[in-house]
Amino acid sequence: MARRKKPENESPTEMRVRQIKEAISNHANRSEKVSWNRKMDNMVKLIAELSPIEQEILALMAAKNPILDNVQVLREVMVKECVHPYEHLAIHADYVECTFCFKKLSIPSEFLNREEDMIRTCDDGEET
């Protein structure tokens, strides 16, 4: 590649910076630089091709945000008024957790200390 022209009124610091950059950039030979520049031109074309798609994605995301806001408001109301539906209850050792509102609920007293009444099943489905 052509050598860079020394700028007029260059300060000693600017000259040192330019010389360092030139020394590093001159490490590659001319054919490697030409090849790299072609690849860079190709990347610029691909990015330009990608730009309209990114604009569409941004427009869709902008359209999605009001809907997500409404979902968030509705979820907050549902959490406040949660009825702890059956399919959202997870039983732990000493409490039950609602996986929708994340509230920890105590196990009803009529089910405490009745482990002997619980039926345990093996992997093959037989009772033990």
C-alpha atoms as a PDB file:
ATOM      1  CA  MET A   1       0.000   0.000   0.000  1.00  0.00           C
ATOM      2  CA  ALA A   2       1.051   3.550  -0.504  1.00  0.00           C
ATOM      3  CA  ARG A   3       2.945   5.202   2.261  1.00  0.00           C
ATOM      4  CA  ARG A   4       0.992   7.714   4.272  1.00  0.00           C
ATOM      5  CA  LYS A   5       1.902  11.342   3.776  1.00  0.00           C
ATOM      6  CA  LYS A   6       3.348  13.057   6.821  1.00  0.00           C
ATOM      7  CA  PRO A   7       0.825  15.627   8.046  1.00  0.00           C
ATOM      8  CA  GLU A   8       1.918  19.247   8.262  1.00  0.00           C
ATOM      9  CA  ASN A   9       2.500  20.749  11.726  1.00  0.00           C
ATOM     10  CA  GLU A  10       2.656  17.278  13.289  1.00  0.00           C
ATOM     11  CA  SER A  11       3.586  17.341  16.978  1.00  0.00           C
ATOM     12  CA  PRO A  12       6.220  14.923  18.313  1.00  0.00           C
ATOM     13  CA  THR A  13       3.500  12.906  20.077  1.00  0.00           C
ATOM     14  CA  GLU A  14       1.384  12.673  16.916  1.00  0.00           C
ATOM     15  CA  MET A  15       4.471  11.672  14.925  1.00  0.00           C
ATOM     16  CA  ARG A  16       5.271   8.883  17.415  1.00  0.00           C
ATOM     17  CA  VAL A  17       1.702   7.588  17.294  1.00  0.00           C
ATOM     18  CA  ARG A  18       1.755   7.626  13.471  1.00  0.00           C
ATOM     19  CA  GLN A  19       5.087   5.812  13.365  1.00  0.00           C
ATOM     20  CA  ILE A  20       3.863   3.103  15.764  1.00  0.00           C
ATOM     21  CA  LYS A  21       0.706   2.557  13.710  1.00  0.00           C
ATOM     22  CA  GLU A  22       2.714   2.464  10.458  1.00  0.00           C
ATOM     23  CA  ALA A  23       5.182  -0.042  11.883  1.00  0.00           C
ATOM     24  CA  ILE A  24       2.346  -2.350  12.955  1.00  0.00           C
ATOM     25  CA  SER A  25       0.260  -1.961   9.779  1.00  0.00           C
ATOM     26  CA  ASN A  26       3.285  -2.501   7.515  1.00  0.00           C
ATOM     27  CA  HIS A  27       3.817  -5.973   8.979  1.00  0.00           C
ATOM     28  CA  ALA A  28       1.474  -7.523   6.367  1.00  0.00           C
ATOM     29  CA  ASN A  29       2.587  -7.627   2.731  1.00  0.00           C
ATOM     30  CA  ARG A  30       0.729  -5.913  -0.099  1.00  0.00           C
ATOM     31  CA  SER A  31      -1.254  -8.958  -1.287  1.00  0.00           C
ATOM     32  CA  GLU A  32      -2.453  -9.673   2.268  1.00  0.00           C
ATOM     33  CA  LYS A  33      -3.618  -6.059   2.607  1.00  0.00           C
ATOM     34  CA  VAL A  34      -5.439  -6.148  -0.750  1.00  0.00           C
ATOM     35  CA  SER A  35      -7.121  -9.427   0.201  1.00  0.00           C
ATOM     36  CA  TRP A  36      -8.126  -8.038   3.594  1.00  0.00           C
ATOM     37  CA  ASN A  37      -9.542  -4.868   1.970  1.00  0.00           C
ATOM     38  CA  ARG A  38     -11.659  -6.998  -0.413  1.00  0.00           C
ATOM     39  CA  LYS A  39     -13.008  -8.916   2.584  1.00  0.00           C
ATOM     40  CA  MET A  40     -13.771  -5.626   4.333  1.00  0.00           C
ATOM     41  CA  ASP A  41     -15.643  -4.374   1.234  1.00  0.00           C
ATOM     42  CA  ASN A  42     -17.634  -7.623   1.215  1.00  0.00           C
ATOM     43  CA  MET A  43     -18.456  -7.209   4.907  1.00  0.00           C
ATOM     44  CA  VAL A  44     -19.667  -3.644   4.314  1.00  0.00           C
ATOM     45  CA  LYS A  45     -21.971  -4.917   1.532  1.00  0.00           C
ATOM     46  CA  LEU A  46     -23.344  -7.669   3.796  1.00  0.00           C
ATOM     47  CA  ILE A  47     -23.961  -5.204   6.612  1.00  0.00           C
ATOM     48  CA  ALA A  48     -25.759  -2.875   4.190  1.00  0.00           C
ATOM     49  CA  GLU A  49     -27.915  -5.840   3.112  1.00  0.00           C
ATOM     50  CA  LEU A  50     -28.661  -6.607   6.767  1.00  0.00           C
ATOM     51  CA  SER A  51     -29.667  -3.055   7.650  1.00  0.00           C
ATOM     52  CA  PRO A  52     -33.255  -3.127   6.254  1.00  0.00           C
ATOM     53  CA  ILE A  53     -33.904  -6.417   8.055  1.00  0.00           C
ATOM     54  CA  GLU A  54     -32.681  -4.893  11.317  1.00  0.00           C
ATOM     55  CA  GLN A  55     -35.035  -1.949  10.767  1.00  0.00           C
ATOM     56  CA  GLU A  56     -37.952  -4.378  10.366  1.00  0.00           C
ATOM     57  CA  ILE A  57     -36.932  -6.170  13.559  1.00  0.00           C
ATOM     58  CA  LEU A  58     -36.783  -2.875  15.452  1.00  0.00           C
ATOM     59  CA  ALA A  59     -40.240  -1.920  14.143  1.00  0.00           C
ATOM     60  CA  LEU A  60     -41.640  -5.288  15.263  1.00  0.00           C
ATOM     61  CA  MET A  61     -40.028  -4.899  18.683  1.00  0.00           C
ATOM     62  CA  ALA A  62     -41.544  -1.435  18.990  1.00  0.00           C
ATOM     63  CA  ALA A  63     -44.971  -2.901  18.154  1.00  0.00           C
ATOM     64  CA  LYS A  64     -44.392  -5.685  20.698  1.00  0.00           C
ATOM     65  CA  ASN A  65     -43.614  -3.378  23.641  1.00  0.00           C
ATOM     66  CA  PRO A  66     -47.175  -2.038  24.239  1.00  0.00           C
ATOM     67  CA  ILE A  67     -48.504  -5.600  24.234  1.00  0.00           C
ATOM     68  CA  LEU A  68     -45.838  -6.673  26.725  1.00  0.00           C
ATOM     69  CA  ASP A  69     -46.741  -3.690  28.900  1.00  0.00           C
ATOM     70  CA  ASN A  70     -50.374  -4.845  28.926  1.00  0.00           C
ATOM     71  CA  VAL A  71     -49.266  -8.389  29.772  1.00  0.00           C
ATOM     72  CA  GLN A  72     -47.194  -7.040  32.670  1.00  0.00           C
ATOM     73  CA  VAL A  73     -50.110  -5.011  34.052  1.00  0.00           C
ATOM     74  CA  LEU A  74     -52.439  -8.012  33.785  1.00  0.00           C
ATOM     75  CA  ARG A  75     -49.871 -10.303  35.426  1.00  0.00           C
ATOM     76  CA  GLU A  76     -49.479  -7.880  38.345  1.00  0.00           C
ATOM     77  CA  VAL A  77     -53.248  -7.926  38.875  1.00  0.00           C
ATOM     78  CA  MET A  78     -53.326 -11.723  38.611  1.00  0.00           C
ATOM     79  CA  VAL A  79     -50.487 -12.080  41.124  1.00  0.00           C
ATOM     80  CA  LYS A  80     -52.304  -9.790  43.550  1.00  0.00           C
ATOM     81  CA  GLU A  81     -55.548 -11.778  43.121  1.00  0.00           C
ATOM     82  CA  CYS A  82     -53.908 -15.207  42.726  1.00  0.00           C
ATOM     83  CA  VAL A  83     -56.172 -18.180  43.462  1.00  0.00           C
ATOM     84  CA  HIS A  84     -53.200 -20.602  43.430  1.00  0.00           C
ATOM     85  CA  PRO A  85     -54.415 -22.884  40.629  1.00  0.00           C
ATOM     86  CA  TYR A  86     -53.743 -26.616  40.948  1.00  0.00           C
ATOM     87  CA  GLU A  87     -51.329 -26.745  37.992  1.00  0.00           C
ATOM     88  CA  HIS A  88     -49.172 -24.002  39.555  1.00  0.00           C
ATOM     89  CA  LEU A  89     -48.703 -25.626  42.965  1.00  0.00           C
ATOM     90  CA  ALA A  90     -45.398 -27.284  43.829  1.00  0.00           C
ATOM     91  CA  ILE A  91     -45.148 -29.312  47.009  1.00  0.00           C
ATOM     92  CA  HIS A  92     -41.902 -29.044  48.973  1.00  0.00           C
ATOM     93  CA  ALA A  93     -40.944 -30.799  52.219  1.00  0.00           C
ATOM     94  CA  ASP A  94     -42.586 -28.350  54.588  1.00  0.00           C
ATOM     95  CA  TYR A  95     -44.559 -25.940  52.392  1.00  0.00           C
ATOM     96  CA  VAL A  96     -46.397 -25.570  49.092  1.00  0.00           C
ATOM     97  CA  GLU A  97     -45.299 -22.930  46.604  1.00  0.00           C
ATOM     98  CA  CYS A  98     -47.443 -21.298  43.948  1.00  0.00           C
ATOM     99  CA  THR A  99     -45.242 -21.082  40.874  1.00  0.00           C
ATOM    100  CA  PHE A 100     -47.355 -18.266  39.451  1.00  0.00           C
ATOM    101  CA  CYS A 101     -47.238 -15.766  42.317  1.00  0.00           C
ATOM    102  CA  PHE A 102     -44.249 -17.378  44.107  1.00  0.00           C
ATOM    103  CA  LYS A 103     -46.077 -17.333  47.411  1.00  0.00           C
ATOM    104  CA  LYS A 104     -45.100 -19.959  49.972  1.00  0.00           C
ATOM    105  CA  LEU A 105     -48.153 -21.542  51.554  1.00  0.00           C
ATOM    106  CA  SER A 106     -48.292 -23.797  54.580  1.00  0.00           C
ATOM    107  CA  ILE A 107     -49.479 -27.350  54.142  1.00  0.00           C
ATOM    108  CA  PRO A 108     -53.063 -27.693  55.474  1.00  0.00           C
ATOM    109  CA  SER A 109     -53.040 -29.055  59.029  1.00  0.00           C
ATOM    110  CA  GLU A 110     -55.117 -32.131  58.150  1.00  0.00           C
ATOM    111  CA  PHE A 111     -52.229 -33.320  55.941  1.00  0.00           C
ATOM    112  CA  LEU A 112     -49.417 -32.829  58.456  1.00  0.00           C
ATOM    113  CA  ASN A 113     -47.765 -35.886  60.078  1.00  0.00           C
ATOM    114  CA  ARG A 114     -49.645 -38.369  57.931  1.00  0.00           C
ATOM    115  CA  GLU A 115     -46.666 -39.743  56.026  1.00  0.00           C
ATOM    116  CA  GLU A 116     -47.790 -43.311  56.770  1.00  0.00           C
ATOM    117  CA  ASP A 117     -50.925 -42.677  54.679  1.00  0.00           C
ATOM    118  CA  MET A 118     -48.977 -41.573  51.649  1.00  0.00           C
ATOM    119  CA  ILE A 119     -48.505 -44.203  48.958  1.00  0.00           C
ATOM    120  CA  ARG A 120     -45.063 -44.329  47.464  1.00  0.00           C
ATOM    121  CA  THR A 121     -44.610 -45.757  44.019  1.00  0.00           C
ATOM    122  CA  CYS A 122     -41.524 -47.372  42.549  1.00  0.00           C
ATOM    123  CA  ASP A 123     -40.241 -46.654  39.055  1.00  0.00           C
ATOM    124  CA  ASP A 124     -42.177 -49.661  37.711  1.00  0.00           C
ATOM    125  CA  GLY A 125     -45.443 -48.299  39.150  1.00  0.00           C
ATOM    126  CA  GLU A 126     -45.899 -50.912  41.886  1.00  0.00           C
ATOM    127  CA  GLU A 127     -46.976 -49.860  45.370  1.00  0.00           C
ATOM    128  CA  THR A 128     -44.521 -50.310  48.213  1.00  0.00           C
END
